[in-house]
């Protein structure tokens, strides 16, 4: 009897463990491969606010130097204009491809209208960045943060119950001070309008011209 009881307990544990592992694997795959809008209702967005982990609005962003797809080093503190810094999970994945493509479509407008620039950051190496940039014809920098050191310095929160790197966009003023945080894993395309809205709010108010 004792042997049968032990066998039943072991079998129950085995089945439960397998169910948990399969469910976890399914969730990870779904978040990694789903369309960019499939999970957007479950995501959190923050504008001019912060989560417990994020770089806070009003704080100066950490300085960093990372290599881009062209082998050039980008240093945050050497940038003297407003900057959109967007962290994304991985090169050449569906959502990240949509996000990069949308930023590419708007990059000239961002540079001309707001005198700002854009950099994307993820944990893959420079070779991966080069391939991704060539696939999409990107002419803004995507930076290789191997080891996720800069992601950790920005304290970017993870997504998908902690299984995936977060998709978070920070807008910095010309002094490197954070003015906006936007956190949304599922709706990758929405980051572009969120960034442009934040840049627009940073524009100086134009004085009405007087007569005579």
N, C-alpha and C. Protein backbone atom coordinates (compact mmCIF):
# COMPACT_ATOMS: atom_id res chain seq x y z
N UNK A 1 0.82 -1.22 0.00
CA UNK A 1 0.00 0.00 0.00
C UNK A 1 0.85 1.26 0.00
N UNK A 2 1.92 1.26 0.83
CA UNK A 2 2.79 2.43 0.90
C UNK A 2 3.45 2.72 -0.43
N UNK A 3 3.85 1.66 -1.12
CA UNK A 3 4.49 1.82 -2.43
C UNK A 3 3.51 2.43 -3.43
N UNK A 4 2.25 1.96 -3.41
CA UNK A 4 1.24 2.48 -4.33
C UNK A 4 0.95 3.96 -4.07
N UNK A 5 0.90 4.32 -2.79
CA UNK A 5 0.65 5.73 -2.43
C UNK A 5 1.79 6.62 -2.94
N UNK A 6 3.03 6.17 -2.72
CA UNK A 6 4.19 6.94 -3.19
C UNK A 6 4.17 7.07 -4.70
N UNK A 7 3.80 5.97 -5.38
CA UNK A 7 3.74 5.98 -6.83
C UNK A 7 2.69 6.99 -7.33
N UNK A 8 1.54 7.04 -6.64
CA UNK A 8 0.49 7.97 -7.05
C UNK A 8 0.92 9.43 -6.84
N UNK A 9 1.58 9.68 -5.72
CA UNK A 9 2.06 11.04 -5.45
C UNK A 9 3.07 11.46 -6.51
N UNK A 10 3.99 10.55 -6.83
CA UNK A 10 5.00 10.86 -7.84
C UNK A 10 4.35 11.13 -9.20
N UNK A 11 3.34 10.31 -9.55
CA UNK A 11 2.66 10.47 -10.83
C UNK A 11 1.92 11.81 -10.89
N UNK A 12 1.27 12.17 -9.77
CA UNK A 12 0.57 13.45 -9.70
C UNK A 12 1.54 14.61 -9.86
N UNK A 13 2.68 14.52 -9.19
CA UNK A 13 3.71 15.56 -9.30
C UNK A 13 4.21 15.67 -10.72
N UNK A 14 4.45 14.53 -11.35
CA UNK A 14 4.98 14.49 -12.71
C UNK A 14 4.00 15.14 -13.69
N UNK A 15 2.72 14.79 -13.57
CA UNK A 15 1.72 15.35 -14.47
C UNK A 15 1.54 16.85 -14.26
N UNK A 16 1.54 17.28 -13.00
CA UNK A 16 1.41 18.70 -12.69
C UNK A 16 2.59 19.49 -13.23
N UNK A 17 3.79 18.94 -13.03
CA UNK A 17 5.01 19.61 -13.51
C UNK A 17 4.98 19.76 -15.02
N UNK A 18 4.57 18.69 -15.71
CA UNK A 18 4.51 18.74 -17.18
C UNK A 18 3.51 19.78 -17.66
N UNK A 19 2.37 19.85 -16.97
CA UNK A 19 1.33 20.81 -17.35
C UNK A 19 1.85 22.24 -17.20
N UNK A 20 2.53 22.50 -16.09
CA UNK A 20 3.08 23.84 -15.84
C UNK A 20 4.11 24.19 -16.90
N UNK A 21 5.00 23.25 -17.22
CA UNK A 21 6.05 23.50 -18.20
C UNK A 21 5.45 23.76 -19.58
N UNK A 22 4.43 22.97 -19.96
CA UNK A 22 3.81 23.15 -21.27
C UNK A 22 3.09 24.49 -21.35
N UNK A 23 2.42 24.86 -20.26
CA UNK A 23 1.71 26.14 -20.23
C UNK A 23 2.68 27.29 -20.34
N UNK A 24 3.79 27.21 -19.61
CA UNK A 24 4.81 28.24 -19.65
C UNK A 24 5.39 28.37 -21.06
N UNK A 25 5.72 27.24 -21.65
CA UNK A 25 6.29 27.25 -23.00
C UNK A 25 5.32 27.85 -24.00
N UNK A 26 4.03 27.54 -23.85
CA UNK A 26 3.01 28.08 -24.75
C UNK A 26 2.91 29.59 -24.61
N UNK A 27 2.94 30.07 -23.38
CA UNK A 27 2.87 31.51 -23.15
C UNK A 27 4.05 32.23 -23.75
N UNK A 28 5.25 31.68 -23.54
CA UNK A 28 6.44 32.32 -24.09
C UNK A 28 6.37 32.37 -25.60
N UNK A 29 6.01 31.26 -26.20
CA UNK A 29 5.92 31.22 -27.67
C UNK A 29 4.87 32.19 -28.19
N UNK A 30 3.76 32.29 -27.46
CA UNK A 30 2.70 33.18 -27.90
C UNK A 30 3.15 34.63 -27.88
N UNK A 31 3.80 35.03 -26.80
CA UNK A 31 4.26 36.40 -26.71
C UNK A 31 5.36 36.69 -27.72
N UNK A 32 6.22 35.72 -27.96
CA UNK A 32 7.35 35.94 -28.87
C UNK A 32 6.90 36.00 -30.31
N UNK A 33 5.87 35.23 -30.69
CA UNK A 33 5.52 35.07 -32.09
C UNK A 33 4.19 35.70 -32.47
N UNK A 34 3.45 36.22 -31.50
CA UNK A 34 2.12 36.75 -31.80
C UNK A 34 2.21 38.02 -32.62
N UNK A 35 1.07 38.39 -33.21
CA UNK A 35 1.00 39.67 -33.91
C UNK A 35 1.20 40.78 -32.90
N UNK A 36 1.51 41.97 -33.39
CA UNK A 36 1.85 43.06 -32.49
C UNK A 36 0.68 43.57 -31.68
N UNK A 37 -0.55 43.25 -32.07
CA UNK A 37 -1.69 43.78 -31.34
C UNK A 37 -2.43 42.72 -30.55
N UNK A 38 -2.07 41.46 -30.71
CA UNK A 38 -2.84 40.39 -30.10
C UNK A 38 -2.91 40.51 -28.58
N UNK A 39 -1.83 41.00 -27.96
CA UNK A 39 -1.79 41.04 -26.51
C UNK A 39 -1.85 42.47 -25.97
N UNK A 40 -2.15 43.44 -26.81
CA UNK A 40 -2.11 44.82 -26.36
C UNK A 40 -3.09 45.14 -25.24
N UNK A 41 -4.29 44.52 -25.16
CA UNK A 41 -5.17 44.85 -24.04
C UNK A 41 -4.57 44.50 -22.69
N UNK A 42 -3.64 43.56 -22.64
CA UNK A 42 -3.08 43.11 -21.36
C UNK A 42 -1.81 43.85 -20.98
N UNK A 43 -1.37 44.78 -21.81
CA UNK A 43 -0.13 45.48 -21.53
C UNK A 43 -0.41 46.75 -20.74
N UNK A 44 0.65 47.30 -20.20
CA UNK A 44 0.55 48.53 -19.42
C UNK A 44 1.23 49.65 -20.17
N UNK A 45 0.60 50.79 -20.26
CA UNK A 45 1.23 51.94 -20.88
C UNK A 45 1.41 53.02 -19.83
N UNK A 46 2.52 53.71 -19.90
CA UNK A 46 2.76 54.81 -18.98
C UNK A 46 3.29 55.99 -19.76
N UNK A 47 2.71 57.12 -19.57
CA UNK A 47 3.18 58.35 -20.18
C UNK A 47 3.40 59.36 -19.07
N UNK A 48 4.51 60.06 -19.13
CA UNK A 48 4.91 61.02 -18.12
C UNK A 48 4.67 60.47 -16.71
N UNK A 49 5.03 59.21 -16.55
CA UNK A 49 4.95 58.57 -15.24
C UNK A 49 5.97 57.44 -15.24
N UNK A 50 6.01 56.66 -14.18
CA UNK A 50 6.99 55.59 -14.13
C UNK A 50 6.46 54.38 -13.39
N UNK A 51 7.03 53.22 -13.66
CA UNK A 51 6.71 52.05 -12.88
C UNK A 51 7.76 51.93 -11.78
N UNK A 52 7.63 50.90 -10.98
CA UNK A 52 8.58 50.73 -9.87
C UNK A 52 10.01 50.52 -10.36
N UNK A 53 10.14 49.99 -11.57
CA UNK A 53 11.48 49.67 -12.05
C UNK A 53 12.03 50.68 -13.04
N UNK A 54 11.18 51.41 -13.72
CA UNK A 54 11.63 52.29 -14.80
C UNK A 54 12.47 53.45 -14.33
N UNK A 55 13.36 53.89 -15.23
CA UNK A 55 13.92 55.23 -15.11
C UNK A 55 12.75 56.19 -14.97
N UNK A 56 12.79 57.07 -13.98
CA UNK A 56 11.64 57.93 -13.70
C UNK A 56 11.70 59.21 -14.51
N UNK A 57 10.53 59.72 -14.84
CA UNK A 57 10.43 61.02 -15.47
C UNK A 57 11.06 62.05 -14.53
N UNK A 58 11.91 62.91 -15.10
CA UNK A 58 12.60 63.91 -14.29
C UNK A 58 14.00 63.49 -13.89
N UNK A 59 14.32 62.22 -14.05
CA UNK A 59 15.66 61.73 -13.74
C UNK A 59 16.54 61.80 -14.99
N UNK A 60 17.84 61.98 -14.78
CA UNK A 60 18.78 61.96 -15.90
C UNK A 60 19.09 60.52 -16.26
N UNK A 61 19.00 60.22 -17.55
CA UNK A 61 19.25 58.85 -18.01
C UNK A 61 20.71 58.47 -17.80
N UNK A 62 20.98 57.20 -17.54
CA UNK A 62 22.37 56.76 -17.41
C UNK A 62 23.14 57.04 -18.70
N UNK A 63 24.40 57.35 -18.55
CA UNK A 63 25.25 57.50 -19.73
C UNK A 63 25.62 56.11 -20.24
N UNK A 64 25.82 56.00 -21.53
CA UNK A 64 26.22 54.71 -22.09
C UNK A 64 26.90 54.91 -23.43
N UNK A 65 27.71 53.96 -23.81
CA UNK A 65 28.36 53.93 -25.12
C UNK A 65 28.17 52.54 -25.70
N UNK A 66 27.50 52.45 -26.84
CA UNK A 66 27.25 51.17 -27.50
C UNK A 66 27.53 51.29 -28.99
N UNK A 67 27.88 50.17 -29.59
CA UNK A 67 28.19 50.12 -31.02
C UNK A 67 26.91 49.86 -31.81
N UNK A 68 26.77 50.59 -32.94
CA UNK A 68 25.58 50.40 -33.76
C UNK A 68 25.84 49.45 -34.93
N UNK A 69 24.89 49.37 -35.85
CA UNK A 69 24.97 48.43 -36.97
C UNK A 69 26.09 48.75 -37.95
N UNK A 70 26.60 49.98 -37.88
CA UNK A 70 27.68 50.37 -38.79
C UNK A 70 29.05 50.35 -38.12
N UNK A 71 29.09 49.82 -36.88
CA UNK A 71 30.36 49.76 -36.17
C UNK A 71 30.73 51.06 -35.49
N UNK A 72 29.84 52.04 -35.51
CA UNK A 72 30.11 53.33 -34.87
C UNK A 72 29.61 53.30 -33.43
N UNK A 73 30.34 53.98 -32.56
CA UNK A 73 29.97 54.03 -31.15
C UNK A 73 29.08 55.23 -30.88
N UNK A 74 27.93 54.99 -30.29
CA UNK A 74 27.02 56.06 -29.89
C UNK A 74 27.15 56.25 -28.39
N UNK A 75 27.41 57.49 -27.97
CA UNK A 75 27.52 57.82 -26.54
C UNK A 75 26.41 58.78 -26.16
N UNK A 76 25.60 58.39 -25.20
CA UNK A 76 24.44 59.21 -24.84
C UNK A 76 24.81 60.62 -24.45
N UNK A 77 25.86 60.79 -23.65
CA UNK A 77 26.21 62.12 -23.15
C UNK A 77 26.76 63.05 -24.23
N UNK A 78 27.18 62.48 -25.35
CA UNK A 78 27.69 63.31 -26.46
C UNK A 78 26.55 63.79 -27.36
N UNK A 79 25.38 63.23 -27.16
CA UNK A 79 24.21 63.66 -27.92
C UNK A 79 23.69 64.96 -27.33
N UNK A 80 23.51 65.97 -28.15
CA UNK A 80 23.10 67.29 -27.65
C UNK A 80 21.72 67.70 -28.15
N UNK A 81 20.90 66.72 -28.47
CA UNK A 81 19.52 67.02 -28.88
C UNK A 81 18.58 66.02 -28.23
N UNK A 82 17.31 66.27 -28.35
CA UNK A 82 16.32 65.35 -27.78
C UNK A 82 16.52 63.98 -28.40
N UNK A 83 16.25 62.95 -27.60
CA UNK A 83 16.55 61.59 -28.04
C UNK A 83 15.45 60.62 -27.62
N UNK A 84 15.02 59.81 -28.58
CA UNK A 84 14.11 58.71 -28.30
C UNK A 84 14.95 57.45 -28.14
N UNK A 85 14.90 56.84 -26.98
CA UNK A 85 15.62 55.60 -26.72
C UNK A 85 14.60 54.49 -26.54
N UNK A 86 14.56 53.58 -27.50
CA UNK A 86 13.57 52.50 -27.35
C UNK A 86 14.25 51.15 -27.20
N UNK A 87 13.88 50.45 -26.14
CA UNK A 87 14.37 49.10 -25.88
C UNK A 87 13.36 48.11 -26.46
N UNK A 88 13.87 47.12 -27.19
CA UNK A 88 13.00 46.13 -27.81
C UNK A 88 13.55 44.73 -27.54
N UNK A 89 12.71 43.70 -27.61
CA UNK A 89 13.15 42.35 -27.22
C UNK A 89 14.25 41.75 -28.08
N UNK A 90 14.10 41.77 -29.43
CA UNK A 90 15.08 41.06 -30.26
C UNK A 90 14.98 41.47 -31.72
N UNK A 91 16.12 41.44 -32.41
CA UNK A 91 16.17 41.73 -33.84
C UNK A 91 15.36 40.71 -34.64
N UNK A 92 14.80 41.18 -35.75
CA UNK A 92 14.19 40.31 -36.77
C UNK A 92 13.00 39.49 -36.27
N UNK A 93 12.39 39.90 -35.17
CA UNK A 93 11.15 39.26 -34.71
C UNK A 93 9.97 40.10 -35.19
N UNK A 94 8.77 39.52 -35.28
CA UNK A 94 7.66 40.24 -35.91
C UNK A 94 7.36 41.62 -35.33
N UNK A 95 7.16 41.69 -34.01
CA UNK A 95 6.82 42.97 -33.41
C UNK A 95 7.94 43.99 -33.53
N UNK A 96 9.16 43.54 -33.35
CA UNK A 96 10.31 44.45 -33.40
C UNK A 96 10.57 44.93 -34.83
N UNK A 97 10.22 44.10 -35.81
CA UNK A 97 10.33 44.50 -37.21
C UNK A 97 9.32 45.60 -37.51
N UNK A 98 8.08 45.43 -37.04
CA UNK A 98 7.06 46.46 -37.22
C UNK A 98 7.50 47.77 -36.56
N UNK A 99 8.01 47.68 -35.35
CA UNK A 99 8.41 48.87 -34.61
C UNK A 99 9.53 49.62 -35.32
N UNK A 100 10.57 48.90 -35.73
CA UNK A 100 11.69 49.53 -36.42
C UNK A 100 11.26 50.14 -37.75
N UNK A 101 10.39 49.44 -38.47
CA UNK A 101 9.90 49.95 -39.75
C UNK A 101 9.12 51.25 -39.56
N UNK A 102 8.29 51.29 -38.53
CA UNK A 102 7.51 52.50 -38.26
C UNK A 102 8.40 53.67 -37.85
N UNK A 103 9.41 53.39 -37.04
CA UNK A 103 10.35 54.47 -36.69
C UNK A 103 11.09 54.95 -37.93
N UNK A 104 11.46 54.03 -38.82
CA UNK A 104 12.13 54.41 -40.06
C UNK A 104 11.24 55.31 -40.91
N UNK A 105 9.96 55.01 -40.96
CA UNK A 105 9.02 55.83 -41.73
C UNK A 105 8.91 57.24 -41.18
N UNK A 106 9.15 57.39 -39.89
CA UNK A 106 8.97 58.70 -39.25
C UNK A 106 10.29 59.40 -38.90
N UNK A 107 11.42 58.77 -39.18
CA UNK A 107 12.70 59.32 -38.69
C UNK A 107 13.00 60.70 -39.27
N UNK A 108 12.72 60.91 -40.56
CA UNK A 108 12.99 62.22 -41.14
C UNK A 108 12.10 63.30 -40.53
N UNK A 109 10.84 62.95 -40.28
CA UNK A 109 9.92 63.88 -39.63
C UNK A 109 10.38 64.20 -38.22
N UNK A 110 10.83 63.19 -37.48
CA UNK A 110 11.32 63.40 -36.11
C UNK A 110 12.54 64.31 -36.10
N UNK A 111 13.44 64.09 -37.05
CA UNK A 111 14.65 64.91 -37.11
C UNK A 111 14.36 66.34 -37.54
N UNK A 112 13.46 66.50 -38.50
CA UNK A 112 13.17 67.84 -39.03
C UNK A 112 12.26 68.64 -38.10
N UNK A 113 11.16 68.01 -37.67
CA UNK A 113 10.16 68.73 -36.88
C UNK A 113 10.58 68.96 -35.44
N UNK A 114 11.24 67.97 -34.85
CA UNK A 114 11.56 68.05 -33.42
C UNK A 114 13.05 68.20 -33.13
N UNK A 115 13.86 68.20 -34.18
CA UNK A 115 15.33 68.30 -34.01
C UNK A 115 15.82 67.22 -33.02
N UNK A 116 15.26 66.04 -33.18
CA UNK A 116 15.55 64.93 -32.29
C UNK A 116 16.08 63.75 -33.08
N UNK A 117 16.52 62.72 -32.37
CA UNK A 117 16.97 61.50 -33.05
C UNK A 117 16.44 60.28 -32.30
N UNK A 118 16.66 59.11 -32.90
CA UNK A 118 16.14 57.85 -32.36
C UNK A 118 17.26 56.82 -32.30
N UNK A 119 17.32 56.07 -31.21
CA UNK A 119 18.18 54.88 -31.15
C UNK A 119 17.36 53.72 -30.58
N UNK A 120 17.55 52.54 -31.16
CA UNK A 120 16.94 51.33 -30.63
C UNK A 120 18.01 50.50 -29.93
N UNK A 121 17.63 49.77 -28.89
CA UNK A 121 18.60 48.98 -28.12
C UNK A 121 18.02 47.60 -27.82
N UNK A 122 18.81 46.57 -28.10
CA UNK A 122 18.45 45.21 -27.66
C UNK A 122 19.73 44.42 -27.41
N UNK A 123 19.58 43.22 -26.91
CA UNK A 123 20.72 42.46 -26.40
C UNK A 123 21.53 41.68 -27.43
N UNK A 124 21.14 41.73 -28.72
CA UNK A 124 21.91 41.00 -29.72
C UNK A 124 23.16 41.78 -30.12
N UNK A 125 24.12 41.09 -30.75
CA UNK A 125 25.40 41.70 -31.09
C UNK A 125 25.35 42.56 -32.35
N UNK A 126 26.50 43.18 -32.66
CA UNK A 126 26.59 44.11 -33.79
C UNK A 126 26.29 43.43 -35.12
N UNK A 127 26.68 42.17 -35.27
CA UNK A 127 26.42 41.45 -36.52
C UNK A 127 24.92 41.29 -36.74
N UNK A 128 24.20 40.97 -35.69
CA UNK A 128 22.75 40.85 -35.77
C UNK A 128 22.12 42.20 -36.11
N UNK A 129 22.65 43.26 -35.50
CA UNK A 129 22.15 44.60 -35.77
C UNK A 129 22.35 44.97 -37.24
N UNK A 130 23.52 44.64 -37.77
CA UNK A 130 23.82 44.95 -39.17
C UNK A 130 22.82 44.25 -40.10
N UNK A 131 22.57 42.98 -39.84
CA UNK A 131 21.64 42.21 -40.66
C UNK A 131 20.23 42.79 -40.58
N UNK A 132 19.78 43.10 -39.37
CA UNK A 132 18.44 43.64 -39.16
C UNK A 132 18.28 44.99 -39.85
N UNK A 133 19.29 45.85 -39.72
CA UNK A 133 19.24 47.18 -40.33
C UNK A 133 19.23 47.09 -41.85
N UNK A 134 20.00 46.16 -42.39
CA UNK A 134 20.04 45.99 -43.83
C UNK A 134 18.70 45.46 -44.36
N UNK A 135 18.09 44.56 -43.62
CA UNK A 135 16.79 44.01 -44.03
C UNK A 135 15.74 45.11 -44.17
N UNK A 136 15.80 46.11 -43.28
CA UNK A 136 14.76 47.13 -43.22
C UNK A 136 15.20 48.48 -43.78
N UNK A 137 16.48 48.60 -44.15
CA UNK A 137 16.97 49.87 -44.68
C UNK A 137 16.97 50.97 -43.63
N UNK A 138 17.36 50.64 -42.41
CA UNK A 138 17.33 51.62 -41.32
C UNK A 138 18.46 52.63 -41.46
N UNK A 139 18.14 53.91 -41.28
CA UNK A 139 19.21 54.92 -41.24
C UNK A 139 19.25 55.65 -39.91
N UNK A 140 18.73 55.01 -38.87
CA UNK A 140 18.98 55.45 -37.49
C UNK A 140 19.70 54.30 -36.78
N UNK A 141 20.34 54.59 -35.68
CA UNK A 141 21.19 53.60 -35.02
C UNK A 141 20.37 52.61 -34.19
N UNK A 142 20.67 51.33 -34.37
CA UNK A 142 20.21 50.31 -33.43
C UNK A 142 21.47 49.75 -32.77
N UNK A 143 21.45 49.70 -31.46
CA UNK A 143 22.67 49.51 -30.67
C UNK A 143 22.73 48.13 -30.03
N UNK A 144 23.93 47.56 -30.03
CA UNK A 144 24.16 46.21 -29.50
C UNK A 144 24.46 46.29 -28.00
N UNK A 145 23.53 45.85 -27.20
CA UNK A 145 23.67 45.86 -25.74
C UNK A 145 23.88 44.42 -25.26
N UNK A 146 24.96 43.81 -25.68
CA UNK A 146 25.22 42.42 -25.30
C UNK A 146 25.43 42.32 -23.79
N UNK A 147 24.74 41.39 -23.17
CA UNK A 147 24.76 41.28 -21.72
C UNK A 147 23.72 42.14 -21.03
N UNK A 148 23.02 42.96 -21.83
CA UNK A 148 21.92 43.80 -21.32
C UNK A 148 22.35 44.77 -20.23
N UNK A 149 23.61 45.24 -20.28
CA UNK A 149 24.09 46.15 -19.23
C UNK A 149 23.33 47.46 -19.22
N UNK A 150 23.08 48.04 -20.41
CA UNK A 150 22.37 49.32 -20.47
C UNK A 150 20.90 49.14 -20.11
N UNK A 151 20.31 48.06 -20.57
CA UNK A 151 18.93 47.76 -20.19
C UNK A 151 18.80 47.71 -18.67
N UNK A 152 19.76 47.10 -18.01
CA UNK A 152 19.73 47.01 -16.56
C UNK A 152 19.93 48.38 -15.91
N UNK A 153 20.78 49.21 -16.51
CA UNK A 153 21.01 50.55 -15.95
C UNK A 153 19.75 51.41 -16.04
N UNK A 154 18.99 51.23 -17.11
CA UNK A 154 17.73 51.94 -17.25
C UNK A 154 16.63 51.30 -16.40
N UNK A 155 16.91 50.11 -15.87
CA UNK A 155 15.94 49.37 -15.06
C UNK A 155 14.65 49.09 -15.84
N UNK A 156 14.83 48.67 -17.09
CA UNK A 156 13.68 48.38 -17.93
C UNK A 156 12.95 47.16 -17.37
N UNK A 157 11.67 47.28 -17.08
CA UNK A 157 10.94 46.13 -16.54
C UNK A 157 10.75 45.04 -17.59
N UNK A 158 10.74 43.80 -17.14
CA UNK A 158 10.50 42.69 -18.06
C UNK A 158 9.02 42.59 -18.37
N UNK A 159 8.71 41.82 -19.43
CA UNK A 159 7.32 41.66 -19.87
C UNK A 159 6.96 40.18 -19.89
N UNK A 160 5.70 39.90 -20.21
CA UNK A 160 5.22 38.51 -20.33
C UNK A 160 5.54 37.72 -19.07
N UNK A 161 5.13 38.26 -17.92
CA UNK A 161 5.32 37.59 -16.62
C UNK A 161 6.80 37.36 -16.31
N UNK A 162 7.64 38.25 -16.82
CA UNK A 162 9.08 38.16 -16.55
C UNK A 162 9.85 37.27 -17.49
N UNK A 163 9.19 36.72 -18.52
CA UNK A 163 9.87 35.80 -19.43
C UNK A 163 10.56 36.50 -20.60
N UNK A 164 10.14 37.73 -20.93
CA UNK A 164 10.70 38.42 -22.09
C UNK A 164 11.25 39.79 -21.71
N UNK A 165 12.27 40.25 -22.43
CA UNK A 165 12.73 41.62 -22.22
C UNK A 165 11.60 42.59 -22.56
N UNK A 166 11.47 43.66 -21.81
CA UNK A 166 10.38 44.61 -22.05
C UNK A 166 10.59 45.44 -23.30
N UNK A 167 9.47 45.95 -23.82
CA UNK A 167 9.48 46.90 -24.94
C UNK A 167 9.08 48.25 -24.35
N UNK A 168 10.07 49.09 -24.10
CA UNK A 168 9.83 50.36 -23.42
C UNK A 168 10.56 51.48 -24.16
N UNK A 169 9.86 52.60 -24.34
CA UNK A 169 10.44 53.76 -25.02
C UNK A 169 10.56 54.92 -24.04
N UNK A 170 11.75 55.49 -24.00
CA UNK A 170 12.04 56.67 -23.17
C UNK A 170 12.32 57.85 -24.09
N UNK A 171 11.79 59.00 -23.74
CA UNK A 171 12.11 60.22 -24.48
C UNK A 171 12.92 61.12 -23.54
N UNK A 172 14.09 61.52 -24.03
CA UNK A 172 15.01 62.34 -23.24
C UNK A 172 15.13 63.72 -23.87
N UNK A 173 15.29 64.74 -23.04
CA UNK A 173 15.55 66.07 -23.59
C UNK A 173 17.03 66.20 -23.93
N UNK A 174 17.44 67.37 -24.41
CA UNK A 174 18.82 67.53 -24.89
C UNK A 174 19.85 67.39 -23.77
N UNK A 175 19.40 67.48 -22.52
CA UNK A 175 20.31 67.31 -21.38
C UNK A 175 20.28 65.88 -20.84
N UNK A 176 19.52 65.02 -21.49
CA UNK A 176 19.46 63.63 -21.06
C UNK A 176 18.45 63.35 -19.97
N UNK A 177 17.58 64.32 -19.67
CA UNK A 177 16.56 64.14 -18.64
C UNK A 177 15.34 63.45 -19.25
N UNK A 178 14.84 62.44 -18.57
CA UNK A 178 13.71 61.68 -19.07
C UNK A 178 12.41 62.49 -18.93
N UNK A 179 11.69 62.62 -20.04
CA UNK A 179 10.43 63.37 -20.03
C UNK A 179 9.22 62.47 -20.21
N UNK A 180 9.43 61.24 -20.69
CA UNK A 180 8.30 60.35 -20.94
C UNK A 180 8.75 58.90 -20.95
N UNK A 181 7.87 58.03 -20.47
CA UNK A 181 8.10 56.58 -20.50
C UNK A 181 6.86 55.93 -21.10
N UNK A 182 7.08 55.03 -22.06
CA UNK A 182 5.95 54.32 -22.67
C UNK A 182 6.28 52.83 -22.69
N UNK A 183 5.45 52.04 -22.03
CA UNK A 183 5.71 50.61 -21.84
C UNK A 183 4.56 49.81 -22.44
N UNK A 184 4.82 49.13 -23.57
CA UNK A 184 3.78 48.35 -24.21
C UNK A 184 4.43 47.27 -25.06
N UNK A 185 4.38 46.03 -24.61
CA UNK A 185 4.99 44.93 -25.36
C UNK A 185 4.19 44.60 -26.61
N UNK A 186 2.88 44.51 -26.49
CA UNK A 186 2.07 43.96 -27.56
C UNK A 186 1.89 44.87 -28.76
N UNK A 187 1.65 46.16 -28.54
CA UNK A 187 1.38 47.07 -29.64
C UNK A 187 2.65 47.84 -29.98
N UNK A 188 3.51 47.18 -30.76
CA UNK A 188 4.83 47.76 -31.07
C UNK A 188 4.72 49.06 -31.84
N UNK A 189 3.76 49.14 -32.76
CA UNK A 189 3.63 50.33 -33.61
C UNK A 189 3.23 51.57 -32.81
N UNK A 190 2.56 51.37 -31.67
CA UNK A 190 2.07 52.51 -30.90
C UNK A 190 3.21 53.33 -30.28
N UNK A 191 4.40 52.75 -30.20
CA UNK A 191 5.54 53.47 -29.58
C UNK A 191 5.93 54.70 -30.38
N UNK A 192 5.72 54.68 -31.68
CA UNK A 192 6.15 55.79 -32.53
C UNK A 192 5.30 57.03 -32.25
N UNK A 193 3.98 56.86 -32.24
CA UNK A 193 3.11 58.00 -31.94
C UNK A 193 3.31 58.49 -30.51
N UNK A 194 3.54 57.55 -29.58
CA UNK A 194 3.78 57.95 -28.19
C UNK A 194 5.04 58.81 -28.10
N UNK A 195 6.08 58.42 -28.83
CA UNK A 195 7.32 59.19 -28.83
C UNK A 195 7.12 60.56 -29.46
N UNK A 196 6.39 60.61 -30.56
CA UNK A 196 6.16 61.89 -31.23
C UNK A 196 5.30 62.82 -30.37
N UNK A 197 4.33 62.25 -29.68
CA UNK A 197 3.50 63.06 -28.77
C UNK A 197 4.36 63.68 -27.67
N UNK A 198 5.26 62.86 -27.12
CA UNK A 198 6.14 63.36 -26.06
C UNK A 198 7.08 64.44 -26.58
N UNK A 199 7.62 64.24 -27.77
CA UNK A 199 8.50 65.25 -28.37
C UNK A 199 7.73 66.54 -28.64
N UNK A 200 6.48 66.40 -29.07
CA UNK A 200 5.66 67.58 -29.35
C UNK A 200 5.43 68.39 -28.08
N UNK A 201 5.21 67.69 -26.97
CA UNK A 201 4.98 68.38 -25.70
C UNK A 201 6.22 69.13 -25.22
N UNK A 202 7.38 68.72 -25.70
CA UNK A 202 8.64 69.36 -25.31
C UNK A 202 8.95 70.61 -26.13
N UNK A 203 8.20 70.80 -27.22
CA UNK A 203 8.45 71.94 -28.10
C UNK A 203 8.14 73.25 -27.38
N UNK A 204 8.96 74.30 -27.59
CA UNK A 204 8.66 75.59 -26.98
C UNK A 204 7.38 76.16 -27.55
N UNK A 205 6.63 76.82 -26.72
CA UNK A 205 5.38 77.44 -27.17
C UNK A 205 5.70 78.65 -28.03
N UNK A 206 5.14 78.67 -29.23
CA UNK A 206 5.41 79.80 -30.14
C UNK A 206 4.56 81.00 -29.73
N UNK A 207 5.21 82.15 -29.67
CA UNK A 207 4.51 83.37 -29.32
C UNK A 207 3.73 83.89 -30.53
N UNK A 208 2.54 84.37 -30.24
CA UNK A 208 1.73 84.93 -31.32
C UNK A 208 2.35 86.23 -31.79
N UNK A 209 2.45 86.38 -33.09
CA UNK A 209 3.05 87.61 -33.63
C UNK A 209 2.11 88.80 -33.49
N UNK A 210 2.68 89.91 -33.14
CA UNK A 210 1.88 91.12 -33.00
C UNK A 210 1.79 91.89 -34.31
N UNK A 211 0.88 92.82 -34.38
CA UNK A 211 0.72 93.66 -35.57
C UNK A 211 1.61 94.89 -35.46
N UNK A 212 1.99 95.42 -36.64
CA UNK A 212 2.76 96.66 -36.67
C UNK A 212 4.17 96.43 -36.24
